[in-house]
C-alpha cells in the first residue's frame, strides 16, 4: 500500500494502518485482461511482477469470461464481493466451482483456470500467497449493525469493509478506526492473544478478515 495512509500508530512493536481503497496501487493483469487494485503486499517492496511476494491482497472487477493468469507455487483464496455468480473451471485437476458472494474459495495458482460469468460482471477480493512461507485464513463476516470480537493469531491481520461503515479496534490500542466502504485496516506485529473489536454501522455491512501467520 502507498505511504499516504489515513492514520498510523505503534504499540510495543505492533503497527496499525488505516488504508483507503483510493490509495491502492493499480496493477495491470499479466494476461492483459484487466486491472487489479493492490491493497497490500508483503514483504515491503515486493511485487506481483517480480513474483517475490510472500502474500498479496487485491481487489478487481471481472467483466468478461476468460483464463486467469497461471501462478506456479502460489495458492489463491478468492471471495466474490459484488455480482451474482462466478464459475471457475480447472480442467481435469478439480471440479468446476460456482462461487457465491462472501464464500471464500481456495485453489492452486498453478492450475489452468478459466472464469465464466453466468449472470454478468462481478468483483472479487483475491489473496495470493506462498504456502511454504505463510499460512493464510480468510473469513467473510456478515456484520450488519452488530458488534463482534475476533481472536487474532500471531503475525498479521487485514480487515476490509464492504458495503457499509465499520469501527475497528485492536486490543491494547487506545485509538479506534472508522472505516468507510472499501477501506482496510492492516495490523502487523501481532504476538498472539490480541482481539479485534468490530462494530458495524450499516445494516448491509460485511467484513473480510485475513489472518497471516508464518508457515
N, C-alpha and C. Protein backbone atom coordinates (compact mmCIF):
# COMPACT_ATOMS: atom_id res chain seq x y z
N UNK A 1 0.85 -1.19 0.00
CA UNK A 1 0.00 0.00 0.00
C UNK A 1 0.88 1.24 0.00
N UNK A 2 0.42 2.28 -0.65
CA UNK A 2 1.19 3.50 -0.75
C UNK A 2 1.27 4.19 0.60
N UNK A 3 2.29 5.08 0.82
CA UNK A 3 2.51 5.64 2.14
C UNK A 3 1.48 6.66 2.58
N UNK A 4 0.56 7.14 1.72
CA UNK A 4 -0.40 8.15 2.15
C UNK A 4 -1.58 7.50 2.85
N UNK A 5 -1.26 6.79 3.95
CA UNK A 5 -2.28 6.13 4.75
C UNK A 5 -3.03 7.17 5.55
N UNK A 6 -4.25 6.83 5.96
CA UNK A 6 -5.10 7.77 6.68
C UNK A 6 -4.66 7.96 8.13
N UNK A 7 -4.10 6.90 8.75
CA UNK A 7 -3.65 7.02 10.12
C UNK A 7 -2.70 5.88 10.42
N UNK A 8 -1.92 6.05 11.49
CA UNK A 8 -0.90 5.06 11.80
C UNK A 8 -0.52 5.20 13.26
N UNK A 9 -0.34 4.07 13.93
CA UNK A 9 0.14 4.13 15.30
C UNK A 9 0.94 2.88 15.60
N UNK A 10 1.79 2.95 16.65
CA UNK A 10 2.59 1.83 17.04
C UNK A 10 2.37 1.56 18.52
N UNK A 11 2.41 0.30 18.92
CA UNK A 11 2.24 -0.08 20.31
C UNK A 11 3.05 -1.33 20.56
N UNK A 12 4.18 -1.19 21.27
CA UNK A 12 5.01 -2.33 21.62
C UNK A 12 5.41 -3.14 20.39
N UNK A 13 5.82 -2.44 19.34
CA UNK A 13 6.24 -3.11 18.12
C UNK A 13 5.12 -3.43 17.16
N UNK A 14 3.88 -3.26 17.60
CA UNK A 14 2.75 -3.51 16.71
C UNK A 14 2.47 -2.25 15.89
N UNK A 15 2.10 -2.44 14.64
CA UNK A 15 1.78 -1.33 13.75
C UNK A 15 0.36 -1.52 13.21
N UNK A 16 -0.40 -0.44 13.19
CA UNK A 16 -1.77 -0.46 12.68
C UNK A 16 -1.90 0.65 11.65
N UNK A 17 -2.38 0.30 10.46
CA UNK A 17 -2.57 1.28 9.39
C UNK A 17 -4.01 1.22 8.89
N UNK A 18 -4.58 2.40 8.72
CA UNK A 18 -5.92 2.55 8.14
C UNK A 18 -5.72 2.99 6.70
N UNK A 19 -6.19 2.19 5.76
CA UNK A 19 -5.92 2.37 4.34
C UNK A 19 -7.22 2.60 3.57
N UNK A 20 -7.18 3.50 2.62
CA UNK A 20 -8.34 3.77 1.76
C UNK A 20 -8.16 3.07 0.42
N UNK A 21 -9.27 2.65 -0.18
CA UNK A 21 -9.20 1.98 -1.47
C UNK A 21 -8.55 2.87 -2.52
N UNK A 22 -8.74 4.19 -2.41
CA UNK A 22 -8.17 5.11 -3.39
C UNK A 22 -6.64 5.12 -3.36
N UNK A 23 -6.03 4.64 -2.28
CA UNK A 23 -4.57 4.60 -2.18
C UNK A 23 -3.95 3.38 -2.84
N UNK A 24 -4.77 2.42 -3.25
CA UNK A 24 -4.25 1.16 -3.77
C UNK A 24 -3.49 1.37 -5.07
N UNK A 25 -2.44 0.56 -5.25
CA UNK A 25 -1.67 0.59 -6.50
C UNK A 25 -2.45 -0.15 -7.58
N UNK A 26 -2.59 0.49 -8.74
CA UNK A 26 -3.32 -0.11 -9.85
C UNK A 26 -2.34 -0.92 -10.71
N UNK A 27 -2.59 -2.23 -10.81
CA UNK A 27 -1.65 -3.14 -11.46
C UNK A 27 -2.37 -3.86 -12.61
N UNK A 28 -1.88 -3.71 -13.85
CA UNK A 28 -2.48 -4.46 -14.96
C UNK A 28 -2.27 -5.96 -14.79
N UNK A 29 -3.25 -6.76 -15.18
CA UNK A 29 -3.10 -8.20 -15.14
C UNK A 29 -2.01 -8.64 -16.10
N UNK A 30 -1.29 -9.70 -15.74
CA UNK A 30 -0.22 -10.19 -16.61
C UNK A 30 -0.77 -10.73 -17.92
N UNK A 31 -2.06 -11.15 -17.93
CA UNK A 31 -2.64 -11.63 -19.19
C UNK A 31 -3.31 -10.51 -19.99
N UNK A 32 -3.23 -9.26 -19.48
CA UNK A 32 -3.73 -8.10 -20.21
C UNK A 32 -5.23 -7.94 -20.23
N UNK A 33 -5.97 -8.69 -19.39
CA UNK A 33 -7.43 -8.68 -19.48
C UNK A 33 -8.11 -7.80 -18.42
N UNK A 34 -7.32 -7.08 -17.62
CA UNK A 34 -7.94 -6.23 -16.60
C UNK A 34 -6.91 -5.53 -15.74
N UNK A 35 -7.39 -4.86 -14.71
CA UNK A 35 -6.54 -4.12 -13.78
C UNK A 35 -6.97 -4.46 -12.36
N UNK A 36 -5.99 -4.67 -11.49
CA UNK A 36 -6.24 -5.01 -10.09
C UNK A 36 -5.86 -3.84 -9.20
N UNK A 37 -6.65 -3.61 -8.14
CA UNK A 37 -6.29 -2.67 -7.08
C UNK A 37 -5.54 -3.45 -6.00
N UNK A 38 -4.22 -3.24 -5.93
CA UNK A 38 -3.40 -3.94 -4.95
C UNK A 38 -3.54 -3.25 -3.60
N UNK A 39 -4.13 -3.94 -2.62
CA UNK A 39 -4.41 -3.36 -1.32
C UNK A 39 -3.22 -3.46 -0.38
N UNK A 40 -2.50 -4.58 -0.42
CA UNK A 40 -1.34 -4.77 0.46
C UNK A 40 -0.49 -5.89 -0.11
N UNK A 41 0.82 -5.82 0.17
CA UNK A 41 1.74 -6.86 -0.28
C UNK A 41 2.85 -7.00 0.75
N UNK A 42 3.38 -8.21 0.89
CA UNK A 42 4.44 -8.48 1.86
C UNK A 42 5.46 -9.42 1.25
N UNK A 43 6.78 -9.14 1.46
CA UNK A 43 7.37 -8.06 2.26
C UNK A 43 7.32 -6.72 1.54
N UNK A 44 7.64 -5.63 2.26
CA UNK A 44 7.63 -4.31 1.64
C UNK A 44 8.53 -4.28 0.40
N UNK A 45 8.02 -3.69 -0.66
CA UNK A 45 8.78 -3.58 -1.90
C UNK A 45 8.60 -4.75 -2.84
N UNK A 46 7.95 -5.83 -2.39
CA UNK A 46 7.70 -6.97 -3.28
C UNK A 46 6.62 -6.60 -4.29
N UNK A 47 6.53 -7.39 -5.35
CA UNK A 47 5.53 -7.09 -6.37
C UNK A 47 5.11 -8.36 -7.09
N UNK A 48 3.91 -8.31 -7.66
CA UNK A 48 3.42 -9.41 -8.49
C UNK A 48 4.30 -9.57 -9.72
N UNK A 49 4.77 -8.45 -10.27
CA UNK A 49 5.55 -8.51 -11.50
C UNK A 49 6.83 -9.31 -11.31
N UNK A 50 7.47 -9.19 -10.14
CA UNK A 50 8.71 -9.93 -9.88
C UNK A 50 8.43 -11.28 -9.22
N UNK A 51 7.20 -11.52 -8.82
CA UNK A 51 6.81 -12.77 -8.17
C UNK A 51 7.68 -13.06 -6.95
N UNK A 52 8.00 -12.00 -6.17
CA UNK A 52 8.85 -12.16 -4.99
C UNK A 52 8.08 -11.90 -3.70
N UNK A 53 6.76 -11.99 -3.73
CA UNK A 53 5.95 -11.70 -2.56
C UNK A 53 5.70 -12.97 -1.75
N UNK A 54 5.56 -12.80 -0.42
CA UNK A 54 5.08 -13.89 0.43
C UNK A 54 3.55 -13.96 0.34
N UNK A 55 2.91 -12.79 0.36
CA UNK A 55 1.47 -12.72 0.17
C UNK A 55 1.09 -11.38 -0.45
N UNK A 56 -0.10 -11.37 -1.04
CA UNK A 56 -0.60 -10.17 -1.71
C UNK A 56 -2.12 -10.18 -1.62
N UNK A 57 -2.71 -9.03 -1.28
CA UNK A 57 -4.15 -8.88 -1.19
C UNK A 57 -4.59 -7.83 -2.18
N UNK A 58 -5.61 -8.14 -2.97
CA UNK A 58 -6.02 -7.24 -4.03
C UNK A 58 -7.53 -7.38 -4.27
N UNK A 59 -8.06 -6.43 -5.03
CA UNK A 59 -9.47 -6.45 -5.43
C UNK A 59 -9.55 -6.07 -6.90
N UNK A 60 -10.44 -6.75 -7.63
CA UNK A 60 -10.50 -6.49 -9.06
C UNK A 60 -11.88 -6.80 -9.62
N UNK A 61 -12.30 -6.05 -10.64
CA UNK A 61 -13.51 -6.43 -11.38
C UNK A 61 -13.20 -7.53 -12.38
N UNK A 62 -14.17 -8.40 -12.61
CA UNK A 62 -14.08 -9.39 -13.68
C UNK A 62 -15.27 -9.13 -14.59
N UNK A 63 -15.01 -8.50 -15.71
CA UNK A 63 -16.09 -8.02 -16.58
C UNK A 63 -16.34 -8.91 -17.78
N UNK A 64 -15.45 -9.86 -18.04
CA UNK A 64 -15.65 -10.74 -19.18
C UNK A 64 -15.06 -12.11 -18.87
N UNK A 65 -15.60 -13.17 -19.45
CA UNK A 65 -15.07 -14.51 -19.21
C UNK A 65 -13.69 -14.67 -19.83
N UNK A 66 -12.94 -15.65 -19.30
CA UNK A 66 -11.63 -15.92 -19.87
C UNK A 66 -10.69 -16.54 -18.86
N UNK A 67 -9.45 -16.81 -19.28
CA UNK A 67 -8.50 -17.51 -18.42
C UNK A 67 -7.89 -16.59 -17.36
N UNK A 68 -7.56 -17.17 -16.21
CA UNK A 68 -6.77 -16.49 -15.20
C UNK A 68 -5.29 -16.67 -15.51
N UNK A 69 -4.47 -15.78 -14.96
CA UNK A 69 -3.03 -15.95 -15.05
C UNK A 69 -2.60 -17.20 -14.29
N UNK A 70 -1.63 -17.93 -14.81
CA UNK A 70 -1.09 -19.11 -14.14
C UNK A 70 0.05 -18.68 -13.23
N UNK A 71 0.00 -19.09 -11.96
CA UNK A 71 0.96 -18.65 -10.95
C UNK A 71 1.53 -19.86 -10.22
N UNK A 72 2.56 -20.50 -10.76
CA UNK A 72 3.14 -21.69 -10.11
C UNK A 72 3.69 -21.34 -8.72
N UNK A 73 3.48 -22.24 -7.77
CA UNK A 73 4.00 -22.06 -6.42
C UNK A 73 3.16 -21.15 -5.56
N UNK A 74 2.01 -20.69 -6.06
CA UNK A 74 1.16 -19.75 -5.33
C UNK A 74 -0.22 -20.38 -5.10
N UNK A 75 -0.75 -20.20 -3.90
CA UNK A 75 -2.13 -20.56 -3.60
C UNK A 75 -2.98 -19.29 -3.66
N UNK A 76 -4.26 -19.46 -3.98
CA UNK A 76 -5.16 -18.32 -4.06
C UNK A 76 -6.43 -18.58 -3.25
N UNK A 77 -6.92 -17.55 -2.59
CA UNK A 77 -8.23 -17.58 -1.95
C UNK A 77 -9.03 -16.43 -2.55
N UNK A 78 -10.14 -16.76 -3.18
CA UNK A 78 -10.95 -15.78 -3.90
C UNK A 78 -12.29 -15.63 -3.18
N UNK A 79 -12.72 -14.38 -3.01
CA UNK A 79 -14.03 -14.11 -2.42
C UNK A 79 -14.79 -13.18 -3.36
N UNK A 80 -15.96 -13.60 -3.78
CA UNK A 80 -16.82 -12.75 -4.61
C UNK A 80 -17.45 -11.68 -3.73
N UNK A 81 -17.23 -10.40 -4.06
CA UNK A 81 -17.76 -9.31 -3.23
C UNK A 81 -18.90 -8.55 -3.90
N UNK A 82 -19.01 -8.61 -5.22
CA UNK A 82 -20.10 -7.98 -5.94
C UNK A 82 -20.48 -8.88 -7.12
N UNK A 83 -21.77 -8.93 -7.44
CA UNK A 83 -22.22 -9.72 -8.57
C UNK A 83 -22.94 -10.97 -8.14
N UNK A 84 -23.58 -11.62 -9.13
CA UNK A 84 -24.48 -12.73 -8.84
C UNK A 84 -23.82 -14.09 -8.92
N UNK A 85 -22.62 -14.20 -9.46
CA UNK A 85 -22.00 -15.51 -9.53
C UNK A 85 -20.79 -15.53 -10.43
N UNK A 86 -19.84 -16.40 -10.09
CA UNK A 86 -18.62 -16.60 -10.88
C UNK A 86 -18.34 -18.09 -10.89
N UNK A 87 -18.11 -18.65 -12.08
CA UNK A 87 -17.78 -20.06 -12.20
C UNK A 87 -16.33 -20.20 -12.65
N UNK A 88 -15.61 -21.12 -12.00
CA UNK A 88 -14.21 -21.38 -12.32
C UNK A 88 -14.05 -22.84 -12.73
N UNK A 89 -13.42 -23.06 -13.87
CA UNK A 89 -13.12 -24.41 -14.35
C UNK A 89 -11.62 -24.62 -14.32
N UNK A 90 -11.20 -25.80 -13.80
CA UNK A 90 -9.77 -26.10 -13.67
C UNK A 90 -9.37 -27.32 -14.50
N UNK A 91 -10.06 -27.55 -15.59
CA UNK A 91 -9.77 -28.73 -16.39
C UNK A 91 -10.05 -30.00 -15.62
N UNK A 92 -9.12 -30.96 -15.71
CA UNK A 92 -9.29 -32.24 -15.01
C UNK A 92 -8.71 -32.23 -13.61
N UNK A 93 -8.19 -31.09 -13.15
CA UNK A 93 -7.49 -31.05 -11.87
C UNK A 93 -8.43 -30.89 -10.68
N UNK A 94 -9.62 -30.35 -10.90
CA UNK A 94 -10.57 -30.14 -9.80
C UNK A 94 -11.96 -29.94 -10.39
N UNK A 95 -13.00 -30.19 -9.59
CA UNK A 95 -14.36 -29.96 -10.09
C UNK A 95 -14.60 -28.48 -10.39
N UNK A 96 -15.52 -28.22 -11.31
CA UNK A 96 -15.94 -26.84 -11.58
C UNK A 96 -16.52 -26.24 -10.31
N UNK A 97 -16.15 -24.99 -10.02
CA UNK A 97 -16.60 -24.32 -8.79
C UNK A 97 -17.52 -23.16 -9.14
N UNK A 98 -18.64 -23.07 -8.40
CA UNK A 98 -19.56 -21.95 -8.55
C UNK A 98 -19.41 -21.09 -7.29
N UNK A 99 -18.84 -19.89 -7.45
CA UNK A 99 -18.60 -19.00 -6.32
C UNK A 99 -19.82 -18.11 -6.11
N UNK A 100 -20.26 -18.05 -4.87
CA UNK A 100 -21.33 -17.14 -4.46
C UNK A 100 -20.75 -16.06 -3.57
N UNK A 101 -21.47 -14.98 -3.44
CA UNK A 101 -20.95 -13.82 -2.70
C UNK A 101 -20.59 -14.21 -1.26
N UNK A 102 -19.40 -13.76 -0.86
CA UNK A 102 -18.88 -13.90 0.51
C UNK A 102 -18.65 -15.36 0.92
N UNK A 103 -18.32 -16.22 -0.06
CA UNK A 103 -17.93 -17.59 0.23
C UNK A 103 -16.50 -17.81 -0.26
N UNK A 104 -15.50 -17.75 0.65
CA UNK A 104 -14.09 -17.90 0.22
C UNK A 104 -13.86 -19.24 -0.49
N UNK A 105 -13.07 -19.19 -1.55
CA UNK A 105 -12.76 -20.37 -2.34
C UNK A 105 -11.26 -20.42 -2.57
N UNK A 106 -10.63 -21.53 -2.15
CA UNK A 106 -9.17 -21.69 -2.28
C UNK A 106 -8.84 -22.64 -3.44
N UNK A 107 -7.83 -22.27 -4.21
CA UNK A 107 -7.37 -23.12 -5.30
C UNK A 107 -5.92 -22.81 -5.61
N UNK A 108 -5.28 -23.70 -6.34
CA UNK A 108 -3.88 -23.54 -6.70
C UNK A 108 -3.72 -22.57 -7.87
N UNK A 109 -2.79 -21.62 -7.72
CA UNK A 109 -2.50 -20.71 -8.81
C UNK A 109 -1.84 -21.39 -9.99
N UNK A 110 -1.32 -22.61 -9.78
CA UNK A 110 -0.69 -23.36 -10.87
C UNK A 110 -1.72 -24.04 -11.77
N UNK A 111 -2.97 -24.18 -11.28
CA UNK A 111 -3.99 -24.82 -12.10
C UNK A 111 -4.39 -23.93 -13.26
N UNK A 112 -4.60 -24.48 -14.43
CA UNK A 112 -5.21 -23.70 -15.50
C UNK A 112 -6.66 -23.38 -15.11
N UNK A 113 -6.99 -22.10 -15.04
CA UNK A 113 -8.30 -21.69 -14.53
C UNK A 113 -8.97 -20.77 -15.52
N UNK A 114 -10.20 -21.09 -15.86
CA UNK A 114 -10.99 -20.28 -16.79
C UNK A 114 -12.27 -19.85 -16.09
N UNK A 115 -12.55 -18.55 -16.15
CA UNK A 115 -13.73 -17.99 -15.49
C UNK A 115 -14.86 -17.80 -16.48
N UNK A 116 -16.08 -18.06 -16.02
CA UNK A 116 -17.28 -17.72 -16.78
C UNK A 116 -18.21 -16.94 -15.87
N UNK A 117 -19.06 -16.10 -16.49
CA UNK A 117 -19.92 -15.17 -15.76
C UNK A 117 -21.37 -15.43 -16.13
N UNK A 118 -22.04 -16.36 -15.44
CA UNK A 118 -23.41 -16.72 -15.84
C UNK A 118 -24.41 -15.61 -15.65
N UNK A 119 -24.11 -14.61 -14.81
CA UNK A 119 -25.07 -13.53 -14.56
C UNK A 119 -24.44 -12.16 -14.69
N UNK A 120 -23.39 -12.02 -15.51
CA UNK A 120 -22.77 -10.72 -15.73
C UNK A 120 -21.54 -10.50 -14.87
N UNK A 121 -20.98 -9.29 -14.98
CA UNK A 121 -19.73 -8.95 -14.33
C UNK A 121 -19.78 -9.02 -12.81
N UNK A 122 -18.62 -9.25 -12.20
CA UNK A 122 -18.50 -9.37 -10.75
C UNK A 122 -17.25 -8.61 -10.28
N UNK A 123 -17.10 -8.54 -8.99
CA UNK A 123 -15.86 -8.03 -8.39
C UNK A 123 -15.40 -9.04 -7.35
N UNK A 124 -14.07 -9.25 -7.27
CA UNK A 124 -13.57 -10.22 -6.30
C UNK A 124 -12.52 -9.60 -5.39
N UNK A 125 -12.30 -10.27 -4.27
CA UNK A 125 -11.25 -9.99 -3.30
C UNK A 125 -10.32 -11.19 -3.36
N UNK A 126 -9.04 -10.95 -3.61
CA UNK A 126 -8.13 -12.01 -4.02
C UNK A 126 -6.90 -12.01 -3.12
N UNK A 127 -6.66 -13.12 -2.43
CA UNK A 127 -5.45 -13.28 -1.61
C UNK A 127 -4.56 -14.32 -2.29
N UNK A 128 -3.33 -13.92 -2.63
CA UNK A 128 -2.34 -14.83 -3.17
C UNK A 128 -1.22 -15.01 -2.14
N UNK A 129 -0.71 -16.24 -2.01
CA UNK A 129 0.34 -16.44 -1.02
C UNK A 129 1.18 -17.67 -1.36
N UNK A 130 2.42 -17.65 -0.85
CA UNK A 130 3.32 -18.79 -0.99
C UNK A 130 3.11 -19.70 0.22
N UNK A 131 2.50 -20.88 0.06
CA UNK A 131 2.11 -21.69 1.21
C UNK A 131 3.29 -22.25 2.00
N UNK A 132 4.48 -22.29 1.41
CA UNK A 132 5.65 -22.75 2.15
C UNK A 132 6.20 -21.68 3.08
N UNK A 133 5.70 -20.42 2.95
CA UNK A 133 6.20 -19.33 3.78
C UNK A 133 5.14 -18.72 4.69
N UNK A 134 3.89 -18.83 4.33
CA UNK A 134 2.84 -18.18 5.12
C UNK A 134 1.57 -19.04 5.12
N UNK A 135 0.91 -19.08 6.29
CA UNK A 135 -0.37 -19.74 6.42
C UNK A 135 -1.45 -18.67 6.45
N UNK A 136 -2.44 -18.78 5.59
CA UNK A 136 -3.45 -17.74 5.42
C UNK A 136 -4.84 -18.31 5.70
N UNK A 137 -5.63 -17.55 6.44
CA UNK A 137 -7.04 -17.87 6.64
C UNK A 137 -7.87 -16.65 6.29
N UNK A 138 -9.00 -16.86 5.61
CA UNK A 138 -9.89 -15.78 5.19
C UNK A 138 -11.29 -16.09 5.70
N UNK A 139 -11.88 -15.13 6.41
CA UNK A 139 -13.25 -15.26 6.90
C UNK A 139 -14.08 -14.11 6.37
N UNK A 140 -15.29 -14.41 5.93
CA UNK A 140 -16.24 -13.40 5.48
C UNK A 140 -17.35 -13.30 6.53
N UNK A 141 -17.51 -12.10 7.10
CA UNK A 141 -18.41 -11.89 8.22
C UNK A 141 -19.53 -10.94 7.82
N UNK A 142 -20.78 -11.40 7.87
CA UNK A 142 -21.92 -10.52 7.65
C UNK A 142 -22.23 -9.79 8.94
N UNK A 143 -21.64 -8.64 9.16
CA UNK A 143 -21.69 -7.98 10.46
C UNK A 143 -22.94 -7.13 10.65
N UNK A 144 -23.36 -6.40 9.61
CA UNK A 144 -24.50 -5.51 9.74
C UNK A 144 -24.27 -4.47 10.82
N UNK A 145 -25.21 -4.32 11.75
CA UNK A 145 -25.06 -3.36 12.84
C UNK A 145 -24.63 -3.98 14.14
N UNK A 146 -24.09 -5.21 14.09
CA UNK A 146 -23.72 -5.92 15.30
C UNK A 146 -22.29 -5.57 15.75
N UNK A 147 -21.95 -6.00 16.94
CA UNK A 147 -20.59 -5.92 17.47
C UNK A 147 -20.04 -7.33 17.58
N UNK A 148 -18.75 -7.49 17.24
CA UNK A 148 -18.14 -8.81 17.23
C UNK A 148 -16.69 -8.69 17.67
N UNK A 149 -16.21 -9.66 18.44
CA UNK A 149 -14.81 -9.73 18.83
C UNK A 149 -14.21 -11.00 18.23
N UNK A 150 -13.08 -10.84 17.55
CA UNK A 150 -12.41 -11.95 16.90
C UNK A 150 -10.99 -12.10 17.44
N UNK A 151 -10.61 -13.31 17.85
CA UNK A 151 -9.25 -13.57 18.30
C UNK A 151 -8.29 -13.56 17.11
N UNK A 152 -7.09 -13.02 17.32
CA UNK A 152 -6.11 -12.91 16.25
C UNK A 152 -4.91 -13.81 16.52
N UNK A 153 -4.40 -14.40 15.46
CA UNK A 153 -3.21 -15.25 15.56
C UNK A 153 -1.95 -14.39 15.56
N UNK A 154 -0.80 -14.92 16.02
CA UNK A 154 0.47 -14.20 15.85
C UNK A 154 0.74 -13.95 14.37
N UNK A 155 1.30 -12.81 14.07
CA UNK A 155 1.62 -12.47 12.69
C UNK A 155 0.97 -11.18 12.27
N UNK A 156 0.14 -11.23 11.24
CA UNK A 156 -0.50 -10.05 10.70
C UNK A 156 -1.98 -10.31 10.47
N UNK A 157 -2.75 -9.22 10.39
CA UNK A 157 -4.18 -9.33 10.09
C UNK A 157 -4.57 -8.18 9.17
N UNK A 158 -5.56 -8.44 8.34
CA UNK A 158 -6.03 -7.45 7.36
C UNK A 158 -7.55 -7.49 7.37
N UNK A 159 -8.17 -6.33 7.60
CA UNK A 159 -9.62 -6.19 7.66
C UNK A 159 -10.07 -5.32 6.50
N UNK A 160 -11.11 -5.74 5.78
CA UNK A 160 -11.61 -4.99 4.64
C UNK A 160 -13.12 -4.83 4.78
N UNK A 161 -13.60 -3.58 4.69
CA UNK A 161 -15.02 -3.28 4.87
C UNK A 161 -15.74 -3.25 3.53
N UNK A 162 -16.91 -3.87 3.48
CA UNK A 162 -17.72 -3.92 2.26
C UNK A 162 -19.12 -3.41 2.55
N UNK A 163 -19.58 -2.46 1.77
CA UNK A 163 -20.98 -2.08 1.77
C UNK A 163 -21.47 -1.29 2.95
N UNK A 164 -20.59 -0.85 3.84
CA UNK A 164 -21.06 -0.09 4.99
C UNK A 164 -19.90 0.42 5.84
N UNK A 165 -20.24 1.12 6.90
CA UNK A 165 -19.25 1.72 7.78
C UNK A 165 -18.95 0.80 8.95
N UNK A 166 -17.71 0.89 9.45
CA UNK A 166 -17.22 -0.03 10.45
C UNK A 166 -16.30 0.70 11.42
N UNK A 167 -16.45 0.42 12.71
CA UNK A 167 -15.49 0.86 13.72
C UNK A 167 -14.68 -0.35 14.15
N UNK A 168 -13.35 -0.23 14.10
CA UNK A 168 -12.47 -1.36 14.42
C UNK A 168 -11.41 -0.92 15.41
N UNK A 169 -11.09 -1.80 16.35
CA UNK A 169 -10.03 -1.52 17.32
C UNK A 169 -9.35 -2.83 17.69
N UNK A 170 -8.03 -2.77 17.83
CA UNK A 170 -7.24 -3.92 18.28
C UNK A 170 -6.99 -3.76 19.77
N UNK A 171 -7.16 -4.83 20.53
CA UNK A 171 -6.94 -4.74 21.96
C UNK A 171 -5.52 -4.25 22.24
N UNK A 172 -5.40 -3.37 23.22
CA UNK A 172 -4.11 -2.77 23.55
C UNK A 172 -3.87 -1.45 22.87
N UNK A 173 -4.69 -1.11 21.87
CA UNK A 173 -4.59 0.16 21.18
C UNK A 173 -5.66 1.11 21.72
N UNK A 174 -5.26 2.32 22.05
CA UNK A 174 -6.23 3.29 22.56
C UNK A 174 -7.15 3.80 21.46
N UNK A 175 -6.62 3.92 20.25
CA UNK A 175 -7.38 4.52 19.16
C UNK A 175 -8.21 3.47 18.42
N UNK A 176 -9.44 3.82 18.12
CA UNK A 176 -10.25 3.01 17.22
C UNK A 176 -10.22 3.66 15.84
N UNK A 177 -10.62 2.91 14.83
CA UNK A 177 -10.54 3.37 13.45
C UNK A 177 -11.93 3.28 12.82
N UNK A 178 -12.31 4.35 12.12
CA UNK A 178 -13.60 4.40 11.42
C UNK A 178 -13.36 4.10 9.94
N UNK A 179 -13.87 2.98 9.47
CA UNK A 179 -13.66 2.55 8.09
C UNK A 179 -14.91 2.81 7.26
N UNK A 180 -14.71 3.40 6.10
CA UNK A 180 -15.75 3.58 5.11
C UNK A 180 -15.76 2.36 4.18
N UNK A 181 -16.81 2.17 3.37
CA UNK A 181 -16.82 1.05 2.42
C UNK A 181 -15.58 1.08 1.53
N UNK A 182 -14.88 -0.05 1.42
CA UNK A 182 -13.66 -0.15 0.63
C UNK A 182 -12.40 0.13 1.41
N UNK A 183 -12.51 0.66 2.64
CA UNK A 183 -11.34 0.90 3.48
C UNK A 183 -10.85 -0.42 4.08
N UNK A 184 -9.59 -0.39 4.54
CA UNK A 184 -8.98 -1.57 5.16
C UNK A 184 -8.20 -1.16 6.39
N UNK A 185 -7.97 -2.12 7.27
CA UNK A 185 -7.11 -1.95 8.44
C UNK A 185 -6.07 -3.06 8.38
N UNK A 186 -4.79 -2.67 8.41
CA UNK A 186 -3.68 -3.62 8.30
C UNK A 186 -2.92 -3.60 9.62
N UNK A 187 -2.86 -4.74 10.30
CA UNK A 187 -2.22 -4.85 11.60
C UNK A 187 -1.00 -5.76 11.47
N UNK A 188 0.17 -5.28 11.88
CA UNK A 188 1.40 -6.06 11.81
C UNK A 188 2.00 -6.20 13.21
N UNK A 189 2.79 -7.24 13.40
CA UNK A 189 3.47 -7.43 14.67
C UNK A 189 2.60 -7.99 15.77
N UNK A 190 1.60 -8.79 15.43
CA UNK A 190 0.75 -9.41 16.44
C UNK A 190 1.51 -10.52 17.15
N UNK A 191 1.44 -10.55 18.46
CA UNK A 191 2.15 -11.55 19.25
C UNK A 191 1.28 -12.74 19.61
N UNK A 192 -0.04 -12.63 19.40
CA UNK A 192 -0.97 -13.68 19.78
C UNK A 192 -1.70 -13.29 21.05
N UNK A 193 -2.97 -13.60 21.11
CA UNK A 193 -3.77 -13.24 22.27
C UNK A 193 -4.53 -11.94 22.10
N UNK A 194 -4.19 -11.13 21.08
CA UNK A 194 -4.95 -9.91 20.83
C UNK A 194 -6.32 -10.25 20.24
N UNK A 195 -7.24 -9.31 20.39
CA UNK A 195 -8.55 -9.45 19.80
C UNK A 195 -8.86 -8.23 18.94
N UNK A 196 -9.67 -8.47 17.94
CA UNK A 196 -10.15 -7.42 17.06
C UNK A 196 -11.59 -7.13 17.43
N UNK A 197 -11.86 -5.89 17.80
CA UNK A 197 -13.21 -5.46 18.20
C UNK A 197 -13.84 -4.74 17.02
N UNK A 198 -14.91 -5.32 16.46
CA UNK A 198 -15.57 -4.77 15.28
C UNK A 198 -17.00 -4.37 15.63
N UNK A 199 -17.37 -3.15 15.25
CA UNK A 199 -18.74 -2.67 15.45
C UNK A 199 -19.28 -2.16 14.13
N UNK A 200 -20.33 -2.79 13.63
CA UNK A 200 -20.92 -2.39 12.36
C UNK A 200 -21.78 -1.15 12.52
N UNK A 201 -21.76 -0.29 11.48
CA UNK A 201 -22.54 0.94 11.50
C UNK A 201 -23.58 0.98 10.39
N UNK A 202 -23.72 -0.09 9.62
CA UNK A 202 -24.64 -0.13 8.50
C UNK A 202 -25.27 -1.51 8.41
N UNK A 203 -26.57 -1.59 8.08
CA UNK A 203 -27.22 -2.90 8.05
C UNK A 203 -26.69 -3.84 6.98
N UNK A 204 -26.09 -3.30 5.91
CA UNK A 204 -25.58 -4.14 4.83
C UNK A 204 -24.07 -4.35 4.90
N UNK A 205 -23.45 -4.06 6.05
CA UNK A 205 -22.00 -4.18 6.18
C UNK A 205 -21.56 -5.64 6.20
N UNK A 206 -20.53 -5.94 5.43
CA UNK A 206 -19.81 -7.22 5.51
C UNK A 206 -18.34 -6.91 5.71
N UNK A 207 -17.64 -7.82 6.38
CA UNK A 207 -16.22 -7.63 6.68
C UNK A 207 -15.46 -8.87 6.22
N UNK A 208 -14.34 -8.63 5.55
CA UNK A 208 -13.41 -9.71 5.21
C UNK A 208 -12.22 -9.62 6.16
N UNK A 209 -11.94 -10.71 6.87
CA UNK A 209 -10.83 -10.77 7.80
C UNK A 209 -9.81 -11.79 7.31
N UNK A 210 -8.59 -11.33 7.07
CA UNK A 210 -7.50 -12.18 6.62
C UNK A 210 -6.46 -12.24 7.73
N UNK A 211 -6.11 -13.43 8.18
CA UNK A 211 -5.02 -13.59 9.14
C UNK A 211 -3.86 -14.30 8.45
N UNK A 212 -2.65 -13.83 8.75
CA UNK A 212 -1.46 -14.29 8.03
C UNK A 212 -0.38 -14.61 9.06
N UNK A 213 -0.02 -15.90 9.12
CA UNK A 213 0.97 -16.36 10.10
C UNK A 213 2.09 -17.07 9.37
N UNK A 214 3.26 -17.08 9.98
CA UNK A 214 4.41 -17.77 9.38
C UNK A 214 4.10 -19.25 9.30
N UNK A 215 4.40 -19.85 8.14
CA UNK A 215 4.13 -21.28 7.93
C UNK A 215 5.08 -22.12 8.76
